[in-house]
Structure formats: structure tokens, C-alpha cells
């Protein structure tokens, strides 16, 4: 949780530093750039989840050799995917800006941001592999060191390049590139010090057909699930963009509030990945079920606490982030909806970790696609009833999306658990 709590600091610093420049279109550009890289890096963040799940199961089974192989395969996939992103940057930008349909000023600034940050791809994905391996091994202490170091470097670089050197949105993107590269160097150093680098693993072992098929299948399922999740976020941002720059900027501010709550909850999801995967690998059904109950109860309690904090402190947060009176007023109007997101989404976050650790990734993928369909149905249904596009309807649909995800995973959980422990 401590590691994850530094994550929203990155988005907050980007938003606050750019927001303090006093130009609304620059804040909108960072919001659109953030959505794009959420789609790319979070979508391909399946690499972190798959590495954590597969490593945890191998670690629980006492197979240290397979733990090393899993990391080597993850590094190989990170390099391939990162280079593919750089090669495809032009069509990626064209598709993103066409879908967002933002104003020309926002689009031009967003293009500058994306053109720089896309080069961080290979470093960012390799960092996912490092973190996934550490989590799967149960070394969340080292994961904390790596993640906090990476995020604090990003914050310092953003302040230097944007506030200090006045490089604007391109400076914010370059700060991320520098931080990801330095973060990977630090992660490799940590792995080496811990004796966890995949030394002595032969190319034949890395390219084992059955193991590669399993890793790619898990990555595929998690990637589809994550793209569906981020499509919901992208749809949310695109509807704000169509409503105008002020609504887009206000939703961007509130989105950081949602991220802040989500990273509290992601701590429990990460714990569930590690502990559920290890319990499944060790064939400990009782331990598996205890982990699920404990992480679920704690997630709901923390979600409620974050909701109260956002409810009472959200207005001050909004005033600190933006200097625009119009953006402040719009954000405060929809604050009650944003404040509810951590409580409504608590179960979904926990079960994501459970499903990743148990590698129930096909079921997780299908449930996410169903939740996305319901989300869009609620939004367009609200439009049909009211006859107008409403930001309030958008927030309500988003809350339904979060609730449906947790409910569906909870209903399917017991059947999947019985099946898994009947076959191991």
C-alpha cells in the first residue's frame, strides 16, 4: 500500500504543476496523454500481474528454478512490446486524438506530450517485470523500495523540467522517460543484491513452448481485461472532452481523486495476488480462503475511510490543484460522485488481486467485458431518458461499472475456488 500510495502523487504533481501554469488546454492535454498511457502501459501492465501470479504459484510450490524462468520470460516480452510501441507511435496517436475529439489547442499540446513519453515504453514494461517478480516472491519490502524510488524520481524530474526549466507538457513527459530508465537501473540493482536475477537460465528453458503458451495466455486475458477497464476510463474522459475544456479539466482533477483511493485499495489487491498465488501453489485451500476474506473486509473498511476523507477534504484538494474558478466550480459540483468511487469499487479491487494470483484470468476478462457493456448501457440509457448528455449521468454510470465488477467476481469466486483446488 505504501508503494502504491506514491503512484497518484505522479498524476497529482503533473496536474498541479501544469495546472499552475494557468492554461486550461495544457491541463486537458495532460489528461488525454495520461489516458493514452494508461491504455498502453496499464494495458500491457498485464506483464506485472502475470509475472506476479506465475511467480507466486511457483514460489508456493517451492520451484525456485521456475521463478527465475518466469522473470526471464517477462524481460523478453517487455523488450518486444516496448519496441513495438515506439514503432507504432504514429498510428497510436492518430487513433487516440480522433477518438478524444478535443479542441485543437488541447490536441496539439497532447501530441507534444505523447511524442516524448512513448520512448519510456521498454523501461516501463521492464519495471513491471521487476515489480511482478518481487511481489510474487513475497518481497514487497523490496518492491516498496523500487516503486517509491521510481515515483519520487518522477516527481523531482517533473518539478525540474516543468517548474524549473519551463519545458511545459513536453517536460512532464521527459521527466517520466528519465524516471523509468533510472527506475529500471535501480530495480536490476535490487534484484542483483537480493540474488534474484535470472542467472543461469538457458535460452531453451526460456523458450519452453508450454510455459510460453501459459504466460502468453495469462497476459492476453489480463491485457484484454485491462484494456476494457481503461476503455471505460477513456470513454469517461472523451465524454468530458466533448462537453468542453472546463468539464474535461474538472473531471481530470476528480480522476486524480479516484486514483488516490484506488491506490489504497491496490495494496490489498497486490497482497491477494501474492498470498493467493502462493497458497494455490502450496495447495493450501484453507489459507487461500482466509486471505480472500481478510483482504475483502479490509478493502471495504479502507474504501469507506477514503470516501469520508474525500467527502470532507475534496473541496480543499480541488482548490489546491487548479487556479481556474470555472474548473473549481465544475469539479466541486461532481465531487460527491468521485468521493464514492473507492467505497463502491472496494470489492472489485480485492477480487482482481485474487483472480490474478489464482490465474483465473479468462473469467476475470469475461466479467470485465460484461461490466463494460453494462456501463455503456447505463450511460446511453440515461441519455435516452433525459434527452441530453449529462456529466452527472456519466459519473453515475461509472459507479455502476465499479459495483457490477465486484458483484460479478464475488458471485463466481466460490465455484472457481472449488474447481482449482479439486485439480491441484
Protein backbone atom coordinates (compact mmCIF):
# COMPACT_ATOMS: atom_id res chain seq x y z
CA UNK A 1 0.00 0.00 0.00
CA UNK A 2 2.83 2.39 0.81
CA UNK A 3 4.33 1.77 -2.62
CA UNK A 4 1.01 2.29 -4.40
CA UNK A 5 0.29 5.49 -2.48
CA UNK A 6 3.17 7.20 -4.24
CA UNK A 7 1.56 6.44 -7.64
CA UNK A 8 -1.21 9.09 -7.51
CA UNK A 9 1.44 11.57 -6.44
CA UNK A 10 2.75 11.39 -10.03
CA UNK A 11 -0.58 12.28 -11.59
CA UNK A 12 -1.23 14.86 -8.90
CA UNK A 13 2.13 16.57 -9.49
CA UNK A 14 1.63 16.53 -13.28
CA UNK A 15 -1.86 18.01 -12.88
CA UNK A 16 -0.86 20.56 -10.24
CA UNK A 17 2.34 21.73 -11.95
CA UNK A 18 0.67 22.04 -15.35
CA UNK A 19 -2.49 23.47 -13.75
CA UNK A 20 -0.48 26.20 -12.03
CA UNK A 21 0.62 27.43 -15.45
CA UNK A 22 -2.92 28.83 -15.72
CA UNK A 23 -3.76 27.48 -19.21
CA UNK A 24 -6.75 25.14 -19.27
CA UNK A 25 -5.80 23.49 -22.58
CA UNK A 26 -2.47 22.28 -21.12
CA UNK A 27 -4.29 20.56 -18.25
CA UNK A 28 -6.61 18.91 -20.76
CA UNK A 29 -3.60 17.78 -22.80
CA UNK A 30 -2.05 16.06 -19.78
CA UNK A 31 -5.41 14.38 -19.06
CA UNK A 32 -5.61 13.00 -22.61
CA UNK A 33 -1.95 11.93 -22.56
CA UNK A 34 -2.50 10.21 -19.22
CA UNK A 35 -5.47 8.28 -20.60
CA UNK A 36 -3.44 7.13 -23.61
CA UNK A 37 -0.56 5.89 -21.50
CA UNK A 38 -2.98 4.31 -19.05
CA UNK A 39 -4.29 2.36 -22.04
CA UNK A 40 -0.80 1.43 -23.21
CA UNK A 41 1.16 0.85 -20.03
CA UNK A 42 -1.67 -0.29 -17.78
CA UNK A 43 -2.98 -2.47 -20.58
CA UNK A 44 0.45 -4.01 -21.02
CA UNK A 45 0.75 -3.93 -17.24
CA UNK A 46 -0.69 -7.41 -17.61
CA UNK A 47 3.02 -8.24 -17.64
CA UNK A 48 3.32 -7.25 -13.97
CA UNK A 49 0.20 -9.16 -12.98
CA UNK A 50 1.03 -12.30 -14.91
CA UNK A 51 4.60 -12.29 -13.61
CA UNK A 52 3.35 -11.88 -10.04
CA UNK A 53 0.75 -14.65 -10.35
CA UNK A 54 3.00 -17.18 -12.06
CA UNK A 55 5.93 -16.36 -9.76
CA UNK A 56 3.77 -16.65 -6.64
CA UNK A 57 2.48 -20.09 -7.65
CA UNK A 58 5.99 -21.33 -8.47
CA UNK A 59 7.29 -19.88 -5.19
CA UNK A 60 4.47 -21.50 -3.22
CA UNK A 61 5.28 -24.84 -4.85
CA UNK A 62 8.99 -24.43 -3.92
CA UNK A 63 10.14 -24.33 -7.57
CA UNK A 64 12.87 -21.66 -7.49
CA UNK A 65 14.03 -22.53 -10.99
CA UNK A 66 10.61 -21.70 -12.46
CA UNK A 67 10.62 -18.43 -10.50
CA UNK A 68 13.80 -17.44 -12.36
CA UNK A 69 12.42 -18.60 -15.70
CA UNK A 70 9.26 -16.54 -15.22
CA UNK A 71 11.30 -13.35 -14.76
CA UNK A 72 13.50 -14.08 -17.78
CA UNK A 73 10.43 -14.60 -19.97
CA UNK A 74 8.91 -11.38 -18.62
CA UNK A 75 12.02 -9.37 -19.54
CA UNK A 76 11.95 -10.81 -23.06
CA UNK A 77 8.29 -9.89 -23.52
CA UNK A 78 8.86 -6.39 -22.08
CA UNK A 79 11.58 -5.65 -24.62
CA UNK A 80 9.47 -6.86 -27.53
CA UNK A 81 6.35 -4.94 -26.52
CA UNK A 82 8.23 -1.74 -25.67
CA UNK A 83 9.92 -1.61 -29.06
CA UNK A 84 6.58 -2.29 -30.77
CA UNK A 85 5.04 0.76 -29.06
CA UNK A 86 7.81 3.03 -30.34
CA UNK A 87 7.46 1.66 -33.87
CA UNK A 88 3.67 2.19 -33.85
CA UNK A 89 3.61 5.63 -32.22
CA UNK A 90 2.13 7.48 -35.23
CA UNK A 91 -1.00 5.32 -35.67
CA UNK A 92 -1.40 5.19 -31.88
CA UNK A 93 -1.51 8.99 -31.68
CA UNK A 94 -3.79 9.31 -34.70
CA UNK A 95 -6.34 6.88 -33.28
CA UNK A 96 -6.24 8.44 -29.81
CA UNK A 97 -6.76 12.02 -30.92
CA UNK A 98 -9.54 11.03 -33.31
CA UNK A 99 -11.40 9.25 -30.50
CA UNK A 100 -10.94 12.05 -27.99
CA UNK A 101 -12.15 14.78 -30.35
CA UNK A 102 -10.72 17.52 -28.11
CA UNK A 103 -10.11 21.12 -29.10
CA UNK A 104 -7.18 21.90 -31.48
CA UNK A 105 -5.19 23.54 -28.66
CA UNK A 106 -5.57 20.50 -26.39
CA UNK A 107 -4.70 18.09 -29.22
CA UNK A 108 -1.54 19.99 -30.22
CA UNK A 109 -0.23 20.05 -26.66
CA UNK A 110 -1.14 16.39 -26.14
CA UNK A 111 0.83 15.46 -29.28
CA UNK A 112 3.97 17.05 -27.82
CA UNK A 113 3.48 15.08 -24.61
CA UNK A 114 2.95 11.71 -26.29
CA UNK A 115 5.83 12.09 -28.77
CA UNK A 116 8.30 12.24 -25.88
CA UNK A 117 6.79 9.86 -23.36
CA UNK A 118 6.33 6.95 -25.82
CA UNK A 119 10.10 6.31 -25.62
CA UNK A 120 9.74 5.26 -21.99
CA UNK A 121 7.87 2.11 -23.11
CA UNK A 122 10.65 -0.51 -22.89
CA UNK A 123 11.79 0.81 -19.50
CA UNK A 124 8.26 0.99 -18.06
CA UNK A 125 7.41 -2.58 -19.10
CA UNK A 126 10.70 -3.98 -17.78
CA UNK A 127 9.91 -2.24 -14.48
CA UNK A 128 6.60 -4.11 -14.43
CA UNK A 129 8.51 -7.38 -14.77
CA UNK A 130 10.82 -6.46 -11.88
CA UNK A 131 7.94 -5.47 -9.62
CA UNK A 132 5.86 -8.54 -10.52
CA UNK A 133 8.73 -10.86 -9.69
CA UNK A 134 9.36 -9.20 -6.34
CA UNK A 135 5.66 -9.34 -5.42
CA UNK A 136 5.35 -12.98 -6.42
CA UNK A 137 8.36 -13.88 -4.27
CA UNK A 138 6.77 -12.15 -1.28
CA UNK A 139 9.45 -9.43 -1.28
CA UNK A 140 7.05 -6.50 -1.11
CA UNK A 141 9.65 -4.72 1.02
CA UNK A 142 11.97 -4.59 -1.98
CA UNK A 143 9.04 -3.75 -4.22
CA UNK A 144 8.38 -0.78 -1.95
CA UNK A 145 11.97 0.42 -2.35
CA UNK A 146 11.88 0.11 -6.14
CA UNK A 147 8.45 1.69 -6.60
CA UNK A 148 8.93 4.59 -4.20
CA UNK A 149 12.35 5.34 -5.70
CA UNK A 150 10.87 5.39 -9.21
CA UNK A 151 7.93 7.60 -8.27
CA UNK A 152 9.93 10.10 -6.23
CA UNK A 153 12.39 10.40 -9.11
CA UNK A 154 9.46 11.15 -11.42
CA UNK A 155 8.15 13.85 -9.08
CA UNK A 156 11.57 15.51 -8.77
CA UNK A 157 12.15 15.38 -12.53
CA UNK A 158 8.71 16.89 -13.23
CA UNK A 159 9.37 19.79 -10.88
CA UNK A 160 12.76 20.33 -12.52
CA UNK A 161 11.69 20.17 -16.17
CA UNK A 162 8.30 21.90 -15.87
CA UNK A 163 8.53 24.35 -12.97
CA UNK A 164 12.28 24.90 -13.15
CA UNK A 165 13.19 24.76 -16.85
CA UNK A 166 9.66 25.69 -18.08
CA UNK A 167 9.51 22.93 -20.71
CA UNK A 168 5.72 22.65 -20.42
CA UNK A 169 3.94 19.38 -21.21
CA UNK A 170 6.99 18.02 -23.05
CA UNK A 171 8.95 18.47 -19.82
CA UNK A 172 6.41 16.40 -17.91
CA UNK A 173 6.76 13.63 -20.49
CA UNK A 174 10.56 13.77 -20.47
CA UNK A 175 10.51 13.53 -16.68
CA UNK A 176 8.67 10.20 -16.97
CA UNK A 177 11.18 8.89 -19.52
CA UNK A 178 14.14 9.74 -17.29
CA UNK A 179 12.46 8.30 -14.19
CA UNK A 180 11.55 4.97 -15.88
CA UNK A 181 15.11 4.50 -17.14
CA UNK A 182 16.65 5.25 -13.75
CA UNK A 183 13.98 3.12 -12.07
CA UNK A 184 14.90 0.09 -14.17
CA UNK A 185 18.57 0.52 -13.31
CA UNK A 186 17.64 0.65 -9.63
CA UNK A 187 15.36 -2.38 -9.95
CA UNK A 188 18.06 -4.50 -11.56
CA UNK A 189 20.46 -3.44 -8.81
CA UNK A 190 17.93 -4.51 -6.16
CA UNK A 191 17.37 -7.87 -7.86
CA UNK A 192 21.10 -8.46 -8.08
CA UNK A 193 21.64 -7.58 -4.40
CA UNK A 194 18.82 -9.95 -3.44
CA UNK A 195 20.25 -12.75 -5.58
CA UNK A 196 17.05 -12.73 -7.66
CA UNK A 197 18.37 -12.04 -11.16
CA UNK A 198 17.58 -14.93 -13.55
CA UNK A 199 21.19 -16.02 -13.98
CA UNK A 200 21.99 -19.42 -15.43
CA UNK A 201 18.61 -19.77 -17.16
CA UNK A 202 19.20 -21.17 -20.62
CA UNK A 203 17.51 -19.94 -23.78
CA UNK A 204 15.93 -23.38 -24.17
CA UNK A 205 14.28 -23.05 -20.74
CA UNK A 206 13.03 -19.54 -21.50
CA UNK A 207 11.51 -20.66 -24.81
CA UNK A 208 9.79 -23.75 -23.38
CA UNK A 209 6.64 -24.00 -25.51
CA UNK A 210 4.16 -24.99 -22.79
CA UNK A 211 5.41 -22.34 -20.34
CA UNK A 212 5.39 -19.64 -23.01
CA UNK A 213 1.84 -20.55 -24.05
CA UNK A 214 0.68 -20.30 -20.46
CA UNK A 215 2.42 -16.98 -19.88
CA UNK A 216 1.08 -15.53 -23.13
CA UNK A 217 -2.45 -16.78 -22.38
CA UNK A 218 -2.43 -15.18 -18.94
CA UNK A 219 -1.00 -11.96 -20.40
CA UNK A 220 -3.59 -11.97 -23.17
CA UNK A 221 -6.51 -12.38 -20.78
CA UNK A 222 -5.25 -9.75 -18.35
CA UNK A 223 -4.42 -7.37 -21.21
CA UNK A 224 -7.93 -7.67 -22.66
CA UNK A 225 -9.40 -7.15 -19.19
CA UNK A 226 -7.20 -4.13 -18.59
CA UNK A 227 -7.91 -2.60 -21.99
CA UNK A 228 -11.63 -2.98 -21.26
CA UNK A 229 -11.12 -1.28 -17.88
CA UNK A 230 -9.13 1.54 -19.43
CA UNK A 231 -11.66 1.85 -22.24
CA UNK A 232 -14.15 2.75 -19.54
CA UNK A 233 -11.75 5.44 -18.29
CA UNK A 234 -11.06 6.65 -21.85
CA UNK A 235 -14.78 6.83 -22.59
CA UNK A 236 -15.21 8.84 -19.41
CA UNK A 237 -12.51 11.30 -20.49
CA UNK A 238 -13.75 11.54 -24.09
CA UNK A 239 -17.26 12.43 -22.94
CA UNK A 240 -15.77 15.15 -20.75
CA UNK A 241 -13.77 16.44 -23.73
CA UNK A 242 -16.92 16.66 -25.85
CA UNK A 243 -18.56 18.70 -23.10
CA UNK A 244 -15.80 21.33 -23.31
CA UNK A 245 -12.39 22.13 -21.87
CA UNK A 246 -13.74 23.12 -18.45
CA UNK A 247 -15.62 19.85 -17.93
CA UNK A 248 -12.62 17.89 -19.22
CA UNK A 249 -10.31 19.67 -16.78
CA UNK A 250 -12.75 19.28 -13.86
CA UNK A 251 -13.09 15.55 -14.49
CA UNK A 252 -9.29 15.29 -14.74
CA UNK A 253 -8.97 16.81 -11.26
CA UNK A 254 -11.59 14.42 -9.84
CA UNK A 255 -9.99 11.48 -11.64
CA UNK A 256 -6.87 12.05 -9.57
CA UNK A 257 -9.10 11.81 -6.50
CA UNK A 258 -10.33 8.43 -7.76
CA UNK A 259 -6.74 7.32 -8.37
CA UNK A 260 -5.78 8.30 -4.85
CA UNK A 261 -8.44 5.99 -3.43
CA UNK A 262 -7.62 3.22 -5.88
CA UNK A 263 -4.01 3.03 -4.81
CA UNK A 264 -5.05 2.49 -1.21
CA UNK A 265 -7.14 -0.44 -2.39
CA UNK A 266 -4.48 -1.74 -4.77
CA UNK A 267 -2.32 -2.53 -1.75
CA UNK A 268 -4.81 -5.21 -0.71
CA UNK A 269 -5.15 -6.42 -4.29
CA UNK A 270 -1.37 -6.84 -4.51
CA UNK A 271 -1.32 -8.72 -1.21
CA UNK A 272 -4.05 -11.00 -2.54
CA UNK A 273 -2.05 -11.67 -5.72
CA UNK A 274 0.96 -12.78 -3.72
CA UNK A 275 -0.75 -14.72 -0.92
CA UNK A 276 -3.47 -16.37 -3.02
CA UNK A 277 -0.93 -17.42 -5.65
CA UNK A 278 1.40 -18.88 -3.04
CA UNK A 279 -1.48 -20.67 -1.27
CA UNK A 280 -2.63 -22.20 -4.55
CA UNK A 281 0.91 -23.30 -5.40
CA UNK A 282 1.23 -24.88 -1.94
CA UNK A 283 -2.25 -26.48 -2.22
CA UNK A 284 -3.42 -24.69 0.93
CA UNK A 285 -7.15 -24.21 0.37
CA UNK A 286 -7.87 -23.02 3.90
CA UNK A 287 -5.14 -20.39 3.71
CA UNK A 288 -6.42 -19.28 0.31
CA UNK A 289 -9.94 -18.67 1.61
CA UNK A 290 -8.68 -16.85 4.71
CA UNK A 291 -6.67 -14.46 2.54
CA UNK A 292 -9.75 -13.67 0.45
CA UNK A 293 -11.93 -12.95 3.50
CA UNK A 294 -9.33 -10.79 5.20
CA UNK A 295 -8.37 -8.69 2.18
CA UNK A 296 -12.03 -8.16 1.24
CA UNK A 297 -13.01 -6.97 4.72
CA UNK A 298 -10.02 -4.65 4.98
CA UNK A 299 -10.61 -3.22 1.49
CA UNK A 300 -14.20 -2.29 2.29
CA UNK A 301 -13.12 -0.65 5.56
CA UNK A 302 -10.36 1.36 3.87
CA UNK A 303 -12.69 2.27 0.99
CA UNK A 304 -15.14 3.73 3.50
CA UNK A 305 -12.38 5.71 5.20
CA UNK A 306 -11.15 7.16 1.89
CA UNK A 307 -14.72 8.06 0.95
CA UNK A 308 -15.11 10.08 4.15
CA UNK A 309 -11.76 11.79 3.61
CA UNK A 310 -12.68 12.74 0.05
CA UNK A 311 -16.13 13.95 1.12
CA UNK A 312 -14.77 16.32 3.77
CA UNK A 313 -11.44 17.30 2.20
CA UNK A 314 -12.20 17.19 -1.52
CA UNK A 315 -13.01 20.88 -1.91
CA UNK A 316 -9.64 21.91 -0.48
CA UNK A 317 -7.94 19.41 -2.77
CA UNK A 318 -9.67 20.92 -5.81
CA UNK A 319 -8.65 24.46 -4.82
CA UNK A 320 -5.03 23.37 -4.41
CA UNK A 321 -4.85 21.67 -7.80
CA UNK A 322 -6.48 24.25 -10.07
CA UNK A 323 -6.37 28.06 -10.19
CA UNK A 324 -9.30 28.31 -12.63
CA UNK A 325 -12.55 29.38 -10.94
CA UNK A 326 -14.64 27.65 -13.63
CA UNK A 327 -12.78 24.36 -13.21
CA UNK A 328 -13.05 24.58 -9.42
CA UNK A 329 -16.81 25.13 -9.53
CA UNK A 330 -17.39 22.30 -12.01
CA UNK A 331 -15.23 19.86 -10.02
CA UNK A 332 -16.98 20.66 -6.72
CA UNK A 333 -20.37 20.04 -8.32
CA UNK A 334 -19.43 16.42 -9.07
CA UNK A 335 -17.28 15.78 -6.00
CA UNK A 336 -19.93 13.61 -4.23
CA UNK A 337 -19.80 11.08 -7.08
CA UNK A 338 -15.99 10.96 -7.21
CA UNK A 339 -15.83 10.57 -3.41
CA UNK A 340 -17.94 7.39 -3.59
CA UNK A 341 -15.69 5.55 -6.05
CA UNK A 342 -13.29 3.92 -3.52
CA UNK A 343 -16.13 2.52 -1.43
CA UNK A 344 -18.20 1.26 -4.36
CA UNK A 345 -15.12 -0.24 -6.04
CA UNK A 346 -13.52 -1.88 -2.98
CA UNK A 347 -14.70 -5.43 -3.75
CA UNK A 348 -13.63 -5.19 -7.39
CA UNK A 349 -10.08 -4.23 -6.44
CA UNK A 350 -9.75 -7.11 -3.97
CA UNK A 351 -11.11 -9.74 -6.34
CA UNK A 352 -8.82 -8.50 -9.12
CA UNK A 353 -5.90 -9.49 -6.90
CA UNK A 354 -7.45 -12.85 -6.04
CA UNK A 355 -8.14 -13.69 -9.67
CA UNK A 356 -4.63 -12.68 -10.79
CA UNK A 357 -2.92 -14.69 -8.04
CA UNK A 358 -5.01 -17.75 -8.87
CA UNK A 359 -4.56 -17.05 -12.64
CA UNK A 360 -8.34 -17.13 -13.19
CA UNK A 361 -7.66 -14.67 -15.93
CA UNK A 362 -10.18 -15.89 -18.51
CA UNK A 363 -13.03 -15.45 -16.02
CA UNK A 364 -11.71 -12.03 -14.99
CA UNK A 365 -11.57 -10.98 -18.64
CA UNK A 366 -15.15 -12.06 -19.35
CA UNK A 367 -16.55 -10.38 -16.24
CA UNK A 368 -14.82 -7.13 -17.14
CA UNK A 369 -16.24 -7.14 -20.66
CA UNK A 370 -19.72 -7.69 -19.24
CA UNK A 371 -19.27 -4.81 -16.77
CA UNK A 372 -18.08 -2.51 -19.57
CA UNK A 373 -21.20 -3.34 -21.62
CA UNK A 374 -23.42 -2.53 -18.64
CA UNK A 375 -21.54 0.73 -18.03
CA UNK A 376 -22.12 1.91 -21.60
CA UNK A 377 -25.72 0.74 -21.47
CA UNK A 378 -26.42 2.74 -18.32
CA UNK A 379 -24.82 5.87 -19.74
CA UNK A 380 -26.64 5.76 -23.06
CA UNK A 381 -29.84 4.73 -21.28
CA UNK A 382 -29.58 7.79 -19.05
CA UNK A 383 -29.06 9.91 -22.17
CA UNK A 384 -32.12 8.44 -23.84
CA UNK A 385 -34.27 9.15 -20.78
CA UNK A 386 -33.05 12.72 -20.24
CA UNK A 387 -32.60 13.71 -23.87
CA UNK A 388 -29.28 15.39 -23.10
CA UNK A 389 -25.66 14.41 -22.47
CA UNK A 390 -25.02 14.76 -18.77
CA UNK A 391 -21.81 14.68 -16.77
CA UNK A 392 -23.93 13.54 -13.83
CA UNK A 393 -25.12 10.56 -15.88
CA UNK A 394 -21.52 9.79 -16.75
CA UNK A 395 -20.48 9.66 -13.09
CA UNK A 396 -23.50 7.51 -12.17
CA UNK A 397 -22.68 5.04 -14.95
CA UNK A 398 -19.09 4.87 -13.72
CA UNK A 399 -20.25 4.00 -10.19
CA UNK A 400 -22.48 1.24 -11.60
CA UNK A 401 -19.49 -0.09 -13.53
CA UNK A 402 -17.41 -0.38 -10.36
CA UNK A 403 -20.21 -2.05 -8.41
CA UNK A 404 -21.03 -4.61 -11.11
CA UNK A 405 -17.39 -5.69 -11.37
CA UNK A 406 -17.14 -6.57 -7.68
CA UNK A 407 -20.53 -8.27 -7.59
CA UNK A 408 -19.80 -10.48 -10.60
CA UNK A 409 -16.39 -11.58 -9.30
CA UNK A 410 -17.84 -12.30 -5.86
CA UNK A 411 -20.60 -14.48 -7.27
CA UNK A 412 -18.18 -16.57 -9.36
CA UNK A 413 -15.43 -16.84 -6.74
CA UNK A 414 -16.61 -19.94 -4.84
CA UNK A 415 -17.10 -22.06 -7.96
CA UNK A 416 -13.65 -21.15 -9.27
CA UNK A 417 -12.01 -21.90 -5.92
CA UNK A 418 -13.65 -25.33 -5.70
CA UNK A 419 -12.53 -26.13 -9.26
CA UNK A 420 -8.93 -25.00 -8.69
CA UNK A 421 -8.36 -26.96 -5.51
CA UNK A 422 -10.08 -30.03 -6.92
CA UNK A 423 -7.49 -30.22 -9.72
CA UNK A 424 -4.21 -29.28 -7.98
